[in-house]
Amino acid sequence: MTRIAIVSAGLSQPSSTRLLADRLAAATGAALSGSGTEATFDVVEVREHARDLADNLLTGFAPAGLRTTLETVTGADGLIAVTPIFNASYSGLFKTFFDVLEPDALAGMPVLLGATGGSARHSLALEHALRPMFSYLRAVVTPTAVYAASEDWASATAQGLSSRINRAAAEFAAQLTETPRPHAADPYDDPVPFAQLLGTH
């Protein structure tokens, strides 16, 4: 069973950001099923953790609910990350979520990127903002990222969006099945005995 985390940073309810995330998840599930792989999806609505994220930044410690959510994301086999675009970049809330992760928490993780906005002219934010950030985090980003402008949801242009979603999902599914992500060992699973730390026998 492949575990996929979905991080959606939409601010409204409902939101086009969550709608795009759901479409990407459905297409990924179909692509994986076609290759004989079943998947489960854990959805994280970042706006539900806004106050906890601020507390984490200020104190350096994640409240219990946020800590569980972060563990869900970092323990997944793959990640679908979708943000609204504001001022030609990802939202501050989206960035904050990934700012509080431990270093290398996403190393080697396949990631499918998506973004939404009011105009197609913001689509390059996927390449000049999101892709570099996830490359810095050492994630493995799919070649195709999906941007959905307001007009992409209209019936006349919806086929183009569906085509991009299906192509990106197929690439993501291939990454997930070709090279399963190695999960880093938890350093606290095998602690050094206290006596050894004190240098006693």
C-alpha atoms as a PDB file:
ATOM      1  CA  MET A   1       0.000   0.000   0.000  1.00  0.00           C
ATOM      2  CA  THR A   2       1.417   3.384  -1.051  1.00  0.00           C
ATOM      3  CA  ARG A   3       0.762   6.262   1.363  1.00  0.00           C
ATOM      4  CA  ILE A   4       0.407   9.699  -0.175  1.00  0.00           C
ATOM      5  CA  ALA A   5       0.093  12.937   1.768  1.00  0.00           C
ATOM      6  CA  ILE A   6      -1.823  15.862   0.280  1.00  0.00           C
ATOM      7  CA  VAL A   7      -0.965  19.364   1.492  1.00  0.00           C
ATOM      8  CA  SER A   8      -3.547  21.934   0.400  1.00  0.00           C
ATOM      9  CA  ALA A   9      -2.977  25.567   1.368  1.00  0.00           C
ATOM     10  CA  GLY A  10      -6.280  27.036   0.192  1.00  0.00           C
ATOM     11  CA  LEU A  11      -7.710  29.753   2.410  1.00  0.00           C
ATOM     12  CA  SER A  12     -11.401  29.535   1.587  1.00  0.00           C
ATOM     13  CA  GLN A  13     -13.946  26.786   2.049  1.00  0.00           C
ATOM     14  CA  PRO A  14     -14.472  25.409  -0.516  1.00  0.00           C
ATOM     15  CA  SER A  15     -11.377  26.385  -2.489  1.00  0.00           C
ATOM     16  CA  SER A  16     -10.080  25.827  -5.999  1.00  0.00           C
ATOM     17  CA  THR A  17      -6.774  24.811  -4.402  1.00  0.00           C
ATOM     18  CA  ARG A  18      -8.405  21.883  -2.625  1.00  0.00           C
ATOM     19  CA  LEU A  19     -10.341  21.035  -5.787  1.00  0.00           C
ATOM     20  CA  LEU A  20      -7.103  20.812  -7.763  1.00  0.00           C
ATOM     21  CA  ALA A  21      -5.509  18.720  -4.997  1.00  0.00           C
ATOM     22  CA  ASP A  22      -8.446  16.314  -5.109  1.00  0.00           C
ATOM     23  CA  ARG A  23      -8.243  16.058  -8.905  1.00  0.00           C
ATOM     24  CA  LEU A  24      -4.518  15.314  -8.741  1.00  0.00           C
ATOM     25  CA  ALA A  25      -5.112  12.676  -6.058  1.00  0.00           C
ATOM     26  CA  ALA A  26      -7.870  10.976  -8.048  1.00  0.00           C
ATOM     27  CA  ALA A  27      -5.716  10.866 -11.187  1.00  0.00           C
ATOM     28  CA  THR A  28      -2.760   9.534  -9.201  1.00  0.00           C
ATOM     29  CA  GLY A  29      -4.923   6.835  -7.632  1.00  0.00           C
ATOM     30  CA  ALA A  30      -6.148   5.789 -11.077  1.00  0.00           C
ATOM     31  CA  ALA A  31      -2.615   5.712 -12.500  1.00  0.00           C
ATOM     32  CA  LEU A  32      -1.336   3.627  -9.585  1.00  0.00           C
ATOM     33  CA  SER A  33      -4.301   1.264  -9.759  1.00  0.00           C
ATOM     34  CA  GLY A  34      -3.568   0.715 -13.440  1.00  0.00           C
ATOM     35  CA  SER A  35      -0.125  -0.602 -12.471  1.00  0.00           C
ATOM     36  CA  GLY A  36      -1.522  -2.808  -9.711  1.00  0.00           C
ATOM     37  CA  THR A  37      -0.663  -0.505  -6.804  1.00  0.00           C
ATOM     38  CA  GLU A  38      -3.190   0.614  -4.226  1.00  0.00           C
ATOM     39  CA  ALA A  39      -2.855   3.972  -2.499  1.00  0.00           C
ATOM     40  CA  THR A  40      -4.198   5.741   0.563  1.00  0.00           C
ATOM     41  CA  PHE A  41      -4.388   9.528   0.823  1.00  0.00           C
ATOM     42  CA  ASP A  42      -4.032  11.704   3.928  1.00  0.00           C
ATOM     43  CA  VAL A  43      -5.260  15.266   3.362  1.00  0.00           C
ATOM     44  CA  VAL A  44      -3.778  18.201   5.273  1.00  0.00           C
ATOM     45  CA  GLU A  45      -5.642  21.511   5.096  1.00  0.00           C
ATOM     46  CA  VAL A  46      -2.897  23.913   6.133  1.00  0.00           C
ATOM     47  CA  ARG A  47      -5.312  26.671   7.154  1.00  0.00           C
ATOM     48  CA  GLU A  48      -6.545  24.442   9.989  1.00  0.00           C
ATOM     49  CA  HIS A  49      -3.039  24.605  11.498  1.00  0.00           C
ATOM     50  CA  ALA A  50      -2.348  28.312  10.973  1.00  0.00           C
ATOM     51  CA  ARG A  51      -2.161  29.240  14.679  1.00  0.00           C
ATOM     52  CA  ASP A  52      -0.115  26.171  15.576  1.00  0.00           C
ATOM     53  CA  LEU A  53       2.321  26.958  12.747  1.00  0.00           C
ATOM     54  CA  ALA A  54       2.802  30.480  14.112  1.00  0.00           C
ATOM     55  CA  ASP A  55       3.401  29.062  17.601  1.00  0.00           C
ATOM     56  CA  ASN A  56       5.913  26.599  16.164  1.00  0.00           C
ATOM     57  CA  LEU A  57       7.853  29.401  14.482  1.00  0.00           C
ATOM     58  CA  LEU A  58       7.936  31.439  17.691  1.00  0.00           C
ATOM     59  CA  THR A  59       8.770  28.654  20.145  1.00  0.00           C
ATOM     60  CA  GLY A  60      10.556  26.068  18.012  1.00  0.00           C
ATOM     61  CA  PHE A  61       8.140  23.366  19.180  1.00  0.00           C
ATOM     62  CA  ALA A  62       5.143  21.957  17.342  1.00  0.00           C
ATOM     63  CA  PRO A  63       1.911  21.565  19.343  1.00  0.00           C
ATOM     64  CA  ALA A  64       0.691  17.962  19.533  1.00  0.00           C
ATOM     65  CA  GLY A  65      -1.873  18.233  16.737  1.00  0.00           C
ATOM     66  CA  LEU A  66       0.573  19.863  14.341  1.00  0.00           C
ATOM     67  CA  ARG A  67       3.316  17.395  15.258  1.00  0.00           C
ATOM     68  CA  THR A  68       1.069  14.490  14.292  1.00  0.00           C
ATOM     69  CA  THR A  69       0.261  16.176  10.985  1.00  0.00           C
ATOM     70  CA  LEU A  70       3.933  16.803  10.225  1.00  0.00           C
ATOM     71  CA  GLU A  71       4.714  13.154  10.953  1.00  0.00           C
ATOM     72  CA  THR A  72       1.939  12.098   8.587  1.00  0.00           C
ATOM     73  CA  VAL A  73       3.479  14.157   5.792  1.00  0.00           C
ATOM     74  CA  THR A  74       7.113  13.231   6.374  1.00  0.00           C
ATOM     75  CA  GLY A  75       6.260   9.544   6.810  1.00  0.00           C
ATOM     76  CA  ALA A  76       4.411   9.289   3.508  1.00  0.00           C
ATOM     77  CA  ASP A  77       5.752   7.626   0.372  1.00  0.00           C
ATOM     78  CA  GLY A  78       4.873  10.646  -1.752  1.00  0.00           C
ATOM     79  CA  LEU A  79       3.460  14.153  -1.515  1.00  0.00           C
ATOM     80  CA  ILE A  80       0.968  16.210  -3.501  1.00  0.00           C
ATOM     81  CA  ALA A  81       1.479  19.888  -2.596  1.00  0.00           C
ATOM     82  CA  VAL A  82      -0.888  22.592  -3.853  1.00  0.00           C
ATOM     83  CA  THR A  83      -0.901  26.306  -3.059  1.00  0.00           C
ATOM     84  CA  PRO A  84      -2.720  29.409  -4.224  1.00  0.00           C
ATOM     85  CA  ILE A  85      -0.438  31.943  -5.888  1.00  0.00           C
ATOM     86  CA  PHE A  86      -0.228  35.402  -4.323  1.00  0.00           C
ATOM     87  CA  ASN A  87       2.038  38.134  -5.717  1.00  0.00           C
ATOM     88  CA  ALA A  88       3.690  35.707  -8.145  1.00  0.00           C
ATOM     89  CA  SER A  89       4.703  33.162  -5.473  1.00  0.00           C
ATOM     90  CA  TYR A  90       3.396  30.533  -3.057  1.00  0.00           C
ATOM     91  CA  SER A  91       1.277  31.684  -0.128  1.00  0.00           C
ATOM     92  CA  GLY A  92       2.938  32.535   3.157  1.00  0.00           C
ATOM     93  CA  LEU A  93       0.907  29.857   4.933  1.00  0.00           C
ATOM     94  CA  PHE A  94       2.111  27.209   2.475  1.00  0.00           C
ATOM     95  CA  LYS A  95       5.750  28.265   2.950  1.00  0.00           C
ATOM     96  CA  THR A  96       5.387  28.299   6.738  1.00  0.00           C
ATOM     97  CA  PHE A  97       4.213  24.689   6.754  1.00  0.00           C
ATOM     98  CA  PHE A  98       7.391  23.540   5.023  1.00  0.00           C
ATOM     99  CA  ASP A  99       9.576  25.913   7.050  1.00  0.00           C
ATOM    100  CA  VAL A 100       8.818  24.015  10.265  1.00  0.00           C
ATOM    101  CA  LEU A 101       9.803  20.586   8.915  1.00  0.00           C
ATOM    102  CA  GLU A 102      13.017  19.028  10.163  1.00  0.00           C
ATOM    103  CA  PRO A 103      16.006  19.272   7.773  1.00  0.00           C
ATOM    104  CA  ASP A 104      15.963  16.499   5.150  1.00  0.00           C
ATOM    105  CA  ALA A 105      12.441  15.444   6.194  1.00  0.00           C
ATOM    106  CA  LEU A 106      11.434  15.328   2.518  1.00  0.00           C
ATOM    107  CA  ALA A 107      14.728  14.046   1.131  1.00  0.00           C
ATOM    108  CA  GLY A 108      14.103  11.567  -1.666  1.00  0.00           C
ATOM    109  CA  MET A 109      10.328  11.974  -1.520  1.00  0.00           C
ATOM    110  CA  PRO A 110       8.454  12.090  -4.856  1.00  0.00           C
ATOM    111  CA  VAL A 111       6.443  15.316  -5.008  1.00  0.00           C
ATOM    112  CA  LEU A 112       3.707  16.438  -7.389  1.00  0.00           C
ATOM    113  CA  LEU A 113       3.257  20.217  -7.425  1.00  0.00           C
ATOM    114  CA  GLY A 114       0.085  22.165  -8.158  1.00  0.00           C
ATOM    115  CA  ALA A 115      -0.990  25.782  -7.887  1.00  0.00           C
ATOM    116  CA  THR A 116      -4.068  27.896  -8.491  1.00  0.00           C
ATOM    117  CA  GLY A 117      -4.587  31.550  -9.299  1.00  0.00           C
ATOM    118  CA  GLY A 118      -6.817  34.067 -10.954  1.00  0.00           C
ATOM    119  CA  SER A 119      -4.721  34.484 -14.072  1.00  0.00           C
ATOM    120  CA  ALA A 120      -2.589  32.218 -16.231  1.00  0.00           C
ATOM    121  CA  ARG A 121       0.240  34.762 -16.084  1.00  0.00           C
ATOM    122  CA  HIS A 122       1.074  33.501 -12.584  1.00  0.00           C
ATOM    123  CA  SER A 123       1.744  29.961 -13.812  1.00  0.00           C
ATOM    124  CA  LEU A 124       5.521  30.446 -13.897  1.00  0.00           C
ATOM    125  CA  ALA A 125       5.490  30.640 -10.098  1.00  0.00           C
ATOM    126  CA  LEU A 126       5.559  26.837 -10.188  1.00  0.00           C
ATOM    127  CA  GLU A 127       8.977  26.965 -11.856  1.00  0.00           C
ATOM    128  CA  HIS A 128      10.621  29.992 -10.239  1.00  0.00           C
ATOM    129  CA  ALA A 129       9.241  29.568  -6.695  1.00  0.00           C
ATOM    130  CA  LEU A 130       7.847  26.113  -5.876  1.00  0.00           C
ATOM    131  CA  ARG A 131      10.221  23.856  -7.808  1.00  0.00           C
ATOM    132  CA  PRO A 132      13.395  25.499  -6.416  1.00  0.00           C
ATOM    133  CA  MET A 133      12.041  25.293  -2.862  1.00  0.00           C
ATOM    134  CA  PHE A 134      11.357  21.562  -3.088  1.00  0.00           C
ATOM    135  CA  SER A 135      14.679  20.977  -4.828  1.00  0.00           C
ATOM    136  CA  TYR A 136      16.337  22.705  -1.880  1.00  0.00           C
ATOM    137  CA  LEU A 137      14.447  20.329   0.426  1.00  0.00           C
ATOM    138  CA  ARG A 138      15.945  17.479  -1.663  1.00  0.00           C
ATOM    139  CA  ALA A 139      12.567  16.166  -2.760  1.00  0.00           C
ATOM    140  CA  VAL A 140      12.173  14.551  -6.186  1.00  0.00           C
ATOM    141  CA  VAL A 141       9.721  16.727  -8.116  1.00  0.00           C
ATOM    142  CA  THR A 142       7.791  15.404 -11.113  1.00  0.00           C
ATOM    143  CA  PRO A 143       8.681  16.979 -14.482  1.00  0.00           C
ATOM    144  CA  THR A 144       5.107  18.225 -14.968  1.00  0.00           C
ATOM    145  CA  ALA A 145       3.552  20.601 -12.442  1.00  0.00           C
ATOM    146  CA  VAL A 146      -0.079  21.706 -12.790  1.00  0.00           C
ATOM    147  CA  TYR A 147      -1.356  25.268 -12.669  1.00  0.00           C
ATOM    148  CA  ALA A 148      -5.078  26.004 -12.774  1.00  0.00           C
ATOM    149  CA  ALA A 149      -6.251  29.542 -13.497  1.00  0.00           C
ATOM    150  CA  SER A 150      -9.850  30.602 -12.993  1.00  0.00           C
ATOM    151  CA  GLU A 151     -10.651  30.087 -16.664  1.00  0.00           C
ATOM    152  CA  ASP A 152      -9.307  26.511 -16.578  1.00  0.00           C
ATOM    153  CA  TRP A 153     -12.367  25.383 -14.655  1.00  0.00           C
ATOM    154  CA  ALA A 154     -14.720  26.536 -17.424  1.00  0.00           C
ATOM    155  CA  SER A 155     -16.148  23.814 -19.638  1.00  0.00           C
ATOM    156  CA  ALA A 156     -14.490  25.220 -22.760  1.00  0.00           C
ATOM    157  CA  THR A 157     -10.979  24.821 -21.353  1.00  0.00           C
ATOM    158  CA  ALA A 158     -11.452  22.058 -18.778  1.00  0.00           C
ATOM    159  CA  GLN A 159     -10.107  19.412 -21.163  1.00  0.00           C
ATOM    160  CA  GLY A 160      -6.716  21.108 -21.208  1.00  0.00           C
ATOM    161  CA  LEU A 161      -6.554  21.066 -17.421  1.00  0.00           C
ATOM    162  CA  SER A 162      -7.587  17.400 -17.319  1.00  0.00           C
ATOM    163  CA  SER A 163      -4.847  16.545 -19.776  1.00  0.00           C
ATOM    164  CA  ARG A 164      -2.196  18.270 -17.652  1.00  0.00           C
ATOM    165  CA  ILE A 165      -3.487  16.582 -14.493  1.00  0.00           C
ATOM    166  CA  ASN A 166      -3.385  13.128 -16.075  1.00  0.00           C
ATOM    167  CA  ARG A 167       0.118  13.627 -17.461  1.00  0.00           C
ATOM    168  CA  ALA A 168       1.469  14.862 -14.122  1.00  0.00           C
ATOM    169  CA  ALA A 169      -0.258  12.042 -12.215  1.00  0.00           C
ATOM    170  CA  ALA A 170       1.212   9.423 -14.563  1.00  0.00           C
ATOM    171  CA  GLU A 171       4.714  10.810 -13.966  1.00  0.00           C
ATOM    172  CA  PHE A 172       4.127  10.889 -10.212  1.00  0.00           C
ATOM    173  CA  ALA A 173       2.804   7.325 -10.157  1.00  0.00           C
ATOM    174  CA  ALA A 174       5.859   6.164 -12.103  1.00  0.00           C
ATOM    175  CA  GLN A 175       8.153   7.779  -9.541  1.00  0.00           C
ATOM    176  CA  LEU A 176       6.281   6.133  -6.684  1.00  0.00           C
ATOM    177  CA  THR A 177       6.430   2.640  -8.174  1.00  0.00           C
ATOM    178  CA  GLU A 178       9.876   2.668  -9.805  1.00  0.00           C
ATOM    179  CA  THR A 179      11.946   3.646  -6.775  1.00  0.00           C
ATOM    180  CA  PRO A 180      10.218   3.417  -3.394  1.00  0.00           C
ATOM    181  CA  ARG A 181      11.357   6.200  -1.090  1.00  0.00           C
ATOM    182  CA  PRO A 182      13.865   5.113   1.573  1.00  0.00           C
ATOM    183  CA  HIS A 183      12.614   6.265   4.968  1.00  0.00           C
ATOM    184  CA  ALA A 184      15.251   7.726   7.247  1.00  0.00           C
ATOM    185  CA  ALA A 185      15.808   5.951  10.546  1.00  0.00           C
ATOM    186  CA  ASP A 186      14.579   7.752  13.630  1.00  0.00           C
ATOM    187  CA  PRO A 187      17.658   8.535  15.779  1.00  0.00           C
ATOM    188  CA  TYR A 188      15.513   8.074  18.892  1.00  0.00           C
ATOM    189  CA  ASP A 189      14.667   4.467  18.014  1.00  0.00           C
ATOM    190  CA  ASP A 190      18.080   3.296  19.293  1.00  0.00           C
ATOM    191  CA  PRO A 191      19.178   5.730  21.992  1.00  0.00           C
ATOM    192  CA  VAL A 192      22.644   5.659  23.539  1.00  0.00           C
ATOM    193  CA  PRO A 193      22.480   4.216  27.095  1.00  0.00           C
ATOM    194  CA  PHE A 194      22.670   6.889  29.768  1.00  0.00           C
ATOM    195  CA  ALA A 195      25.630   5.191  31.456  1.00  0.00           C
ATOM    196  CA  GLN A 196      27.545   5.323  28.174  1.00  0.00           C
ATOM    197  CA  LEU A 197      26.813   9.022  27.825  1.00  0.00           C
ATOM    198  CA  LEU A 198      28.298   9.549  31.321  1.00  0.00           C
ATOM    199  CA  GLY A 199      31.344   7.500  30.399  1.00  0.00           C
ATOM    200  CA  THR A 200      30.691   4.899  33.087  1.00  0.00           C
ATOM    201  CA  HIS A 201      30.505   1.132  32.821  1.00  0.00           C
END
